Amino acid sequence: MASLNVYSALVVLFLTGGAAMATKENDQIIKENHCETQMGLPCVLEAFTSIFKIGSISNKCCGELVGLGKVFHSALVKRTLENPLFKDLTPATIIAKSIQTWNNCLALIDSPSPSA
């Protein structure tokens, strides 16, 4: 249960992204586009896990992520990395996983659905 509470705290931080530490550019992008309210919490969890931990992201959540756009995606990842709680993460690794998640989602969204 403690693991769930820590994980929930990390997700909240992913959503709020340490606003006091965020660069104005990333913060402005996120605020102007209302990015923090445009993606459902289950999908935020999947995206967070896919980028900052080990996990996958569903087609549905890829659709939400791609629907928000790459600028939002990049700004939120960068803002989260600026948070002191994530200081032990290697930014290059996280950015690479972020790009991989984005590209995987694009591929899922762009690929034709199998017919029933």
N, C-alpha and C. Protein backbone atom coordinates (compact mmCIF):
# COMPACT_ATOMS: atom_id res chain seq x y z
N MET A 1 0.81 -1.19 0.00
CA MET A 1 0.00 0.00 0.00
C MET A 1 0.86 1.26 0.00
N ALA A 2 1.97 1.22 0.72
CA ALA A 2 2.87 2.37 0.74
C ALA A 2 3.38 2.65 -0.66
N SER A 3 3.62 1.59 -1.42
CA SER A 3 4.09 1.75 -2.79
C SER A 3 3.07 2.52 -3.63
N LEU A 4 1.79 2.23 -3.42
CA LEU A 4 0.74 2.92 -4.15
C LEU A 4 0.72 4.40 -3.79
N ASN A 5 0.91 4.71 -2.49
CA ASN A 5 0.92 6.11 -2.06
C ASN A 5 2.10 6.86 -2.66
N VAL A 6 3.27 6.25 -2.69
CA VAL A 6 4.44 6.88 -3.29
C VAL A 6 4.20 7.08 -4.78
N TYR A 7 3.66 6.06 -5.42
CA TYR A 7 3.38 6.14 -6.85
C TYR A 7 2.37 7.24 -7.14
N SER A 8 1.34 7.32 -6.30
CA SER A 8 0.34 8.38 -6.47
C SER A 8 0.97 9.76 -6.32
N ALA A 9 1.87 9.88 -5.35
CA ALA A 9 2.56 11.17 -5.15
C ALA A 9 3.38 11.52 -6.38
N LEU A 10 4.03 10.53 -6.98
CA LEU A 10 4.82 10.79 -8.17
C LEU A 10 3.95 11.23 -9.33
N VAL A 11 2.77 10.63 -9.43
CA VAL A 11 1.86 11.02 -10.51
C VAL A 11 1.38 12.45 -10.30
N VAL A 12 1.07 12.80 -9.06
CA VAL A 12 0.67 14.18 -8.78
C VAL A 12 1.79 15.12 -9.17
N LEU A 13 3.02 14.74 -8.85
CA LEU A 13 4.16 15.56 -9.22
C LEU A 13 4.31 15.63 -10.74
N PHE A 14 4.02 14.53 -11.42
CA PHE A 14 4.07 14.54 -12.87
C PHE A 14 3.05 15.53 -13.42
N LEU A 15 1.88 15.54 -12.80
CA LEU A 15 0.84 16.46 -13.25
C LEU A 15 1.17 17.90 -12.91
N THR A 16 1.65 18.13 -11.69
CA THR A 16 1.94 19.51 -11.29
C THR A 16 3.34 19.91 -11.68
N GLY A 17 4.23 18.93 -11.77
CA GLY A 17 5.56 19.13 -12.32
C GLY A 17 6.44 20.11 -11.56
N GLY A 18 6.21 20.28 -10.27
CA GLY A 18 7.07 21.19 -9.53
C GLY A 18 6.99 22.59 -10.12
N ALA A 19 5.81 23.15 -10.14
CA ALA A 19 5.58 24.41 -10.82
C ALA A 19 6.54 25.51 -10.39
N ALA A 20 6.96 25.49 -9.14
CA ALA A 20 7.88 26.53 -8.69
C ALA A 20 9.23 26.42 -9.37
N MET A 21 9.60 25.22 -9.78
CA MET A 21 10.90 25.01 -10.39
C MET A 21 10.83 25.00 -11.93
N ALA A 22 9.65 25.05 -12.46
CA ALA A 22 9.51 24.91 -13.91
C ALA A 22 10.02 26.16 -14.63
N THR A 23 10.57 25.93 -15.82
CA THR A 23 10.94 27.08 -16.63
C THR A 23 9.67 27.75 -17.10
N LYS A 24 9.73 29.04 -17.33
CA LYS A 24 8.53 29.76 -17.76
C LYS A 24 8.02 29.24 -19.09
N GLU A 25 8.91 28.85 -19.97
CA GLU A 25 8.50 28.36 -21.29
C GLU A 25 7.64 27.11 -21.17
N ASN A 26 8.14 26.10 -20.44
CA ASN A 26 7.38 24.86 -20.28
C ASN A 26 6.08 25.12 -19.52
N ASP A 27 6.16 25.91 -18.48
CA ASP A 27 4.99 26.22 -17.67
C ASP A 27 3.94 26.93 -18.52
N GLN A 28 4.36 27.86 -19.35
CA GLN A 28 3.44 28.62 -20.20
C GLN A 28 2.76 27.71 -21.21
N ILE A 29 3.53 26.82 -21.82
CA ILE A 29 2.96 25.88 -22.80
C ILE A 29 1.88 25.04 -22.14
N ILE A 30 2.19 24.53 -20.97
CA ILE A 30 1.26 23.64 -20.27
C ILE A 30 0.01 24.40 -19.85
N LYS A 31 0.18 25.61 -19.31
CA LYS A 31 -0.96 26.41 -18.87
C LYS A 31 -1.84 26.85 -20.04
N GLU A 32 -1.23 27.38 -21.08
CA GLU A 32 -2.00 27.90 -22.22
C GLU A 32 -2.82 26.83 -22.91
N ASN A 33 -2.33 25.61 -22.89
CA ASN A 33 -3.03 24.52 -23.56
C ASN A 33 -3.88 23.67 -22.62
N HIS A 34 -3.94 24.06 -21.36
CA HIS A 34 -4.71 23.32 -20.35
C HIS A 34 -4.34 21.84 -20.38
N CYS A 35 -3.05 21.57 -20.57
CA CYS A 35 -2.58 20.20 -20.75
C CYS A 35 -2.85 19.30 -19.55
N GLU A 36 -2.76 19.86 -18.36
CA GLU A 36 -2.89 19.04 -17.17
C GLU A 36 -4.29 18.49 -16.97
N THR A 37 -5.27 19.06 -17.65
CA THR A 37 -6.64 18.59 -17.48
C THR A 37 -7.17 17.87 -18.72
N GLN A 38 -6.36 17.74 -19.74
CA GLN A 38 -6.81 17.17 -21.00
C GLN A 38 -6.60 15.67 -21.12
N MET A 39 -5.90 15.07 -20.15
CA MET A 39 -5.59 13.64 -20.21
C MET A 39 -6.11 13.00 -18.93
N GLY A 40 -6.82 11.89 -19.06
CA GLY A 40 -7.37 11.21 -17.90
C GLY A 40 -6.27 10.63 -17.01
N LEU A 41 -6.55 10.54 -15.71
CA LEU A 41 -5.55 10.05 -14.75
C LEU A 41 -5.02 8.66 -15.10
N PRO A 42 -5.87 7.70 -15.52
CA PRO A 42 -5.32 6.38 -15.88
C PRO A 42 -4.27 6.48 -17.01
N CYS A 43 -4.52 7.38 -17.96
CA CYS A 43 -3.57 7.54 -19.07
C CYS A 43 -2.32 8.28 -18.63
N VAL A 44 -2.48 9.23 -17.71
CA VAL A 44 -1.31 9.90 -17.15
C VAL A 44 -0.42 8.88 -16.46
N LEU A 45 -1.05 7.97 -15.70
CA LEU A 45 -0.29 6.90 -15.02
C LEU A 45 0.48 6.04 -16.02
N GLU A 46 -0.20 5.66 -17.09
CA GLU A 46 0.45 4.83 -18.10
C GLU A 46 1.61 5.57 -18.77
N ALA A 47 1.39 6.83 -19.12
CA ALA A 47 2.45 7.61 -19.76
C ALA A 47 3.62 7.79 -18.81
N PHE A 48 3.33 8.11 -17.56
CA PHE A 48 4.38 8.30 -16.56
C PHE A 48 5.20 7.02 -16.40
N THR A 49 4.51 5.89 -16.27
CA THR A 49 5.20 4.61 -16.11
C THR A 49 6.05 4.29 -17.33
N SER A 50 5.52 4.55 -18.50
CA SER A 50 6.24 4.28 -19.74
C SER A 50 7.51 5.10 -19.86
N ILE A 51 7.49 6.31 -19.35
CA ILE A 51 8.63 7.21 -19.50
C ILE A 51 9.58 7.16 -18.31
N PHE A 52 9.04 7.20 -17.09
CA PHE A 52 9.87 7.34 -15.90
C PHE A 52 10.13 6.03 -15.17
N LYS A 53 9.46 4.97 -15.56
CA LYS A 53 9.66 3.64 -14.96
C LYS A 53 9.74 2.64 -16.11
N ILE A 54 9.28 1.43 -15.86
CA ILE A 54 9.22 0.42 -16.92
C ILE A 54 7.77 0.02 -17.07
N GLY A 55 7.25 0.22 -18.24
CA GLY A 55 5.85 -0.12 -18.49
C GLY A 55 5.47 0.23 -19.91
N SER A 56 4.24 -0.07 -20.23
CA SER A 56 3.76 0.21 -21.58
C SER A 56 2.56 1.14 -21.49
N ILE A 57 2.19 1.65 -22.64
CA ILE A 57 1.05 2.56 -22.72
C ILE A 57 0.06 1.99 -23.74
N SER A 58 -1.21 1.99 -23.38
CA SER A 58 -2.25 1.38 -24.21
C SER A 58 -2.55 2.25 -25.44
N ASN A 59 -3.23 1.64 -26.39
CA ASN A 59 -3.66 2.38 -27.59
C ASN A 59 -4.53 3.58 -27.22
N LYS A 60 -5.46 3.37 -26.27
CA LYS A 60 -6.35 4.45 -25.85
C LYS A 60 -5.54 5.62 -25.30
N CYS A 61 -4.57 5.32 -24.43
CA CYS A 61 -3.78 6.39 -23.82
C CYS A 61 -2.82 7.01 -24.84
N CYS A 62 -2.35 6.22 -25.77
CA CYS A 62 -1.54 6.79 -26.85
C CYS A 62 -2.37 7.80 -27.64
N GLY A 63 -3.63 7.47 -27.85
CA GLY A 63 -4.51 8.39 -28.56
C GLY A 63 -4.66 9.70 -27.82
N GLU A 64 -4.81 9.63 -26.50
CA GLU A 64 -4.92 10.85 -25.70
C GLU A 64 -3.62 11.64 -25.74
N LEU A 65 -2.50 10.94 -25.62
CA LEU A 65 -1.20 11.61 -25.62
C LEU A 65 -0.93 12.29 -26.95
N VAL A 66 -1.12 11.58 -28.04
CA VAL A 66 -0.88 12.13 -29.36
C VAL A 66 -1.86 13.27 -29.65
N GLY A 67 -3.08 13.11 -29.16
CA GLY A 67 -4.08 14.16 -29.33
C GLY A 67 -3.67 15.48 -28.69
N LEU A 68 -2.92 15.41 -27.62
CA LEU A 68 -2.45 16.63 -26.95
C LEU A 68 -1.30 17.29 -27.70
N GLY A 69 -0.52 16.47 -28.41
CA GLY A 69 0.57 17.01 -29.21
C GLY A 69 1.95 16.85 -28.58
N LYS A 70 2.93 16.88 -29.44
CA LYS A 70 4.31 16.67 -29.02
C LYS A 70 4.83 17.81 -28.14
N VAL A 71 4.39 19.03 -28.40
CA VAL A 71 4.84 20.17 -27.60
C VAL A 71 4.44 19.97 -26.14
N PHE A 72 3.18 19.56 -25.91
CA PHE A 72 2.72 19.27 -24.56
C PHE A 72 3.55 18.15 -23.95
N HIS A 73 3.70 17.09 -24.68
CA HIS A 73 4.43 15.92 -24.19
C HIS A 73 5.84 16.31 -23.76
N SER A 74 6.55 17.01 -24.61
CA SER A 74 7.92 17.42 -24.30
C SER A 74 7.98 18.38 -23.12
N ALA A 75 7.06 19.33 -23.08
CA ALA A 75 7.05 20.31 -21.99
C ALA A 75 6.79 19.65 -20.64
N LEU A 76 5.87 18.70 -20.62
CA LEU A 76 5.56 18.04 -19.36
C LEU A 76 6.73 17.17 -18.88
N VAL A 77 7.38 16.48 -19.80
CA VAL A 77 8.54 15.66 -19.43
C VAL A 77 9.66 16.56 -18.91
N LYS A 78 9.93 17.64 -19.62
CA LYS A 78 11.00 18.55 -19.19
C LYS A 78 10.68 19.17 -17.83
N ARG A 79 9.43 19.56 -17.64
CA ARG A 79 9.05 20.17 -16.37
C ARG A 79 9.17 19.17 -15.23
N THR A 80 8.82 17.93 -15.47
CA THR A 80 8.95 16.91 -14.44
C THR A 80 10.41 16.69 -14.09
N LEU A 81 11.28 16.68 -15.10
CA LEU A 81 12.71 16.50 -14.85
C LEU A 81 13.31 17.65 -14.04
N GLU A 82 12.71 18.83 -14.10
CA GLU A 82 13.20 19.97 -13.34
C GLU A 82 12.86 19.87 -11.85
N ASN A 83 11.93 18.97 -11.51
CA ASN A 83 11.53 18.81 -10.12
C ASN A 83 12.67 18.16 -9.34
N PRO A 84 13.03 18.71 -8.18
CA PRO A 84 14.13 18.16 -7.37
C PRO A 84 13.93 16.69 -6.98
N LEU A 85 12.70 16.22 -6.91
CA LEU A 85 12.46 14.82 -6.55
C LEU A 85 12.97 13.86 -7.62
N PHE A 86 13.20 14.37 -8.81
CA PHE A 86 13.67 13.52 -9.90
C PHE A 86 15.14 13.77 -10.22
N LYS A 87 15.87 14.38 -9.30
CA LYS A 87 17.26 14.75 -9.55
C LYS A 87 18.17 13.55 -9.79
N ASP A 88 17.78 12.37 -9.30
CA ASP A 88 18.61 11.18 -9.48
C ASP A 88 18.41 10.51 -10.84
N LEU A 89 17.44 10.95 -11.59
CA LEU A 89 17.21 10.37 -12.92
C LEU A 89 18.20 10.96 -13.92
N THR A 90 18.56 10.17 -14.89
CA THR A 90 19.44 10.64 -15.94
C THR A 90 18.58 11.28 -17.03
N PRO A 91 18.68 12.60 -17.19
CA PRO A 91 17.82 13.26 -18.19
C PRO A 91 17.92 12.67 -19.59
N ALA A 92 19.11 12.31 -20.01
CA ALA A 92 19.26 11.75 -21.36
C ALA A 92 18.46 10.45 -21.51
N THR A 93 18.46 9.63 -20.47
CA THR A 93 17.71 8.37 -20.52
C THR A 93 16.21 8.64 -20.56
N ILE A 94 15.75 9.57 -19.72
CA ILE A 94 14.33 9.90 -19.68
C ILE A 94 13.87 10.51 -21.00
N ILE A 95 14.67 11.39 -21.54
CA ILE A 95 14.31 12.01 -22.82
C ILE A 95 14.26 10.96 -23.93
N ALA A 96 15.20 10.03 -23.91
CA ALA A 96 15.19 8.94 -24.90
C ALA A 96 13.92 8.09 -24.75
N LYS A 97 13.55 7.77 -23.50
CA LYS A 97 12.33 6.99 -23.27
C LYS A 97 11.09 7.80 -23.66
N SER A 98 11.15 9.10 -23.44
CA SER A 98 10.05 9.97 -23.83
C SER A 98 9.85 9.95 -25.34
N ILE A 99 10.94 10.07 -26.06
CA ILE A 99 10.89 10.04 -27.53
C ILE A 99 10.40 8.67 -28.01
N GLN A 100 10.89 7.61 -27.37
CA GLN A 100 10.47 6.26 -27.74
C GLN A 100 8.96 6.08 -27.50
N THR A 101 8.48 6.56 -26.36
CA THR A 101 7.04 6.46 -26.06
C THR A 101 6.23 7.24 -27.10
N TRP A 102 6.68 8.46 -27.41
CA TRP A 102 5.99 9.27 -28.40
C TRP A 102 5.95 8.57 -29.76
N ASN A 103 7.09 8.08 -30.21
CA ASN A 103 7.17 7.41 -31.52
C ASN A 103 6.33 6.14 -31.54
N ASN A 104 6.35 5.37 -30.45
CA ASN A 104 5.52 4.16 -30.37
C ASN A 104 4.04 4.52 -30.45
N CYS A 105 3.66 5.59 -29.77
CA CYS A 105 2.26 6.03 -29.81
C CYS A 105 1.87 6.49 -31.20
N LEU A 106 2.74 7.24 -31.84
CA LEU A 106 2.45 7.67 -33.22
C LEU A 106 2.24 6.47 -34.13
N ALA A 107 3.10 5.47 -33.99
CA ALA A 107 3.01 4.27 -34.82
C ALA A 107 1.68 3.55 -34.55
N LEU A 108 1.27 3.48 -33.28
CA LEU A 108 0.01 2.81 -32.95
C LEU A 108 -1.19 3.57 -33.53
N ILE A 109 -1.14 4.88 -33.42
CA ILE A 109 -2.24 5.71 -33.88
C ILE A 109 -2.32 5.73 -35.41
N ASP A 110 -1.16 5.74 -36.04
CA ASP A 110 -1.12 5.81 -37.51
C ASP A 110 -1.38 4.48 -38.19
N SER A 111 -1.22 3.37 -37.46
CA SER A 111 -1.40 2.08 -38.10
C SER A 111 -2.90 1.78 -38.23
N PRO A 112 -3.28 1.15 -39.33
CA PRO A 112 -4.71 0.85 -39.55
C PRO A 112 -5.20 -0.17 -38.52
N SER A 113 -6.42 0.01 -38.09
CA SER A 113 -7.03 -0.93 -37.13
C SER A 113 -7.36 -2.23 -37.85
N PRO A 114 -7.16 -3.36 -37.16
CA PRO A 114 -7.56 -4.64 -37.78
C PRO A 114 -9.08 -4.69 -37.87
N SER A 115 -9.57 -5.18 -38.98
CA SER A 115 -11.02 -5.27 -39.15
C SER A 115 -11.56 -6.49 -38.41
N ALA A 116 -12.76 -6.36 -37.92
CA ALA A 116 -13.36 -7.43 -37.12
C ALA A 116 -13.89 -8.55 -37.98
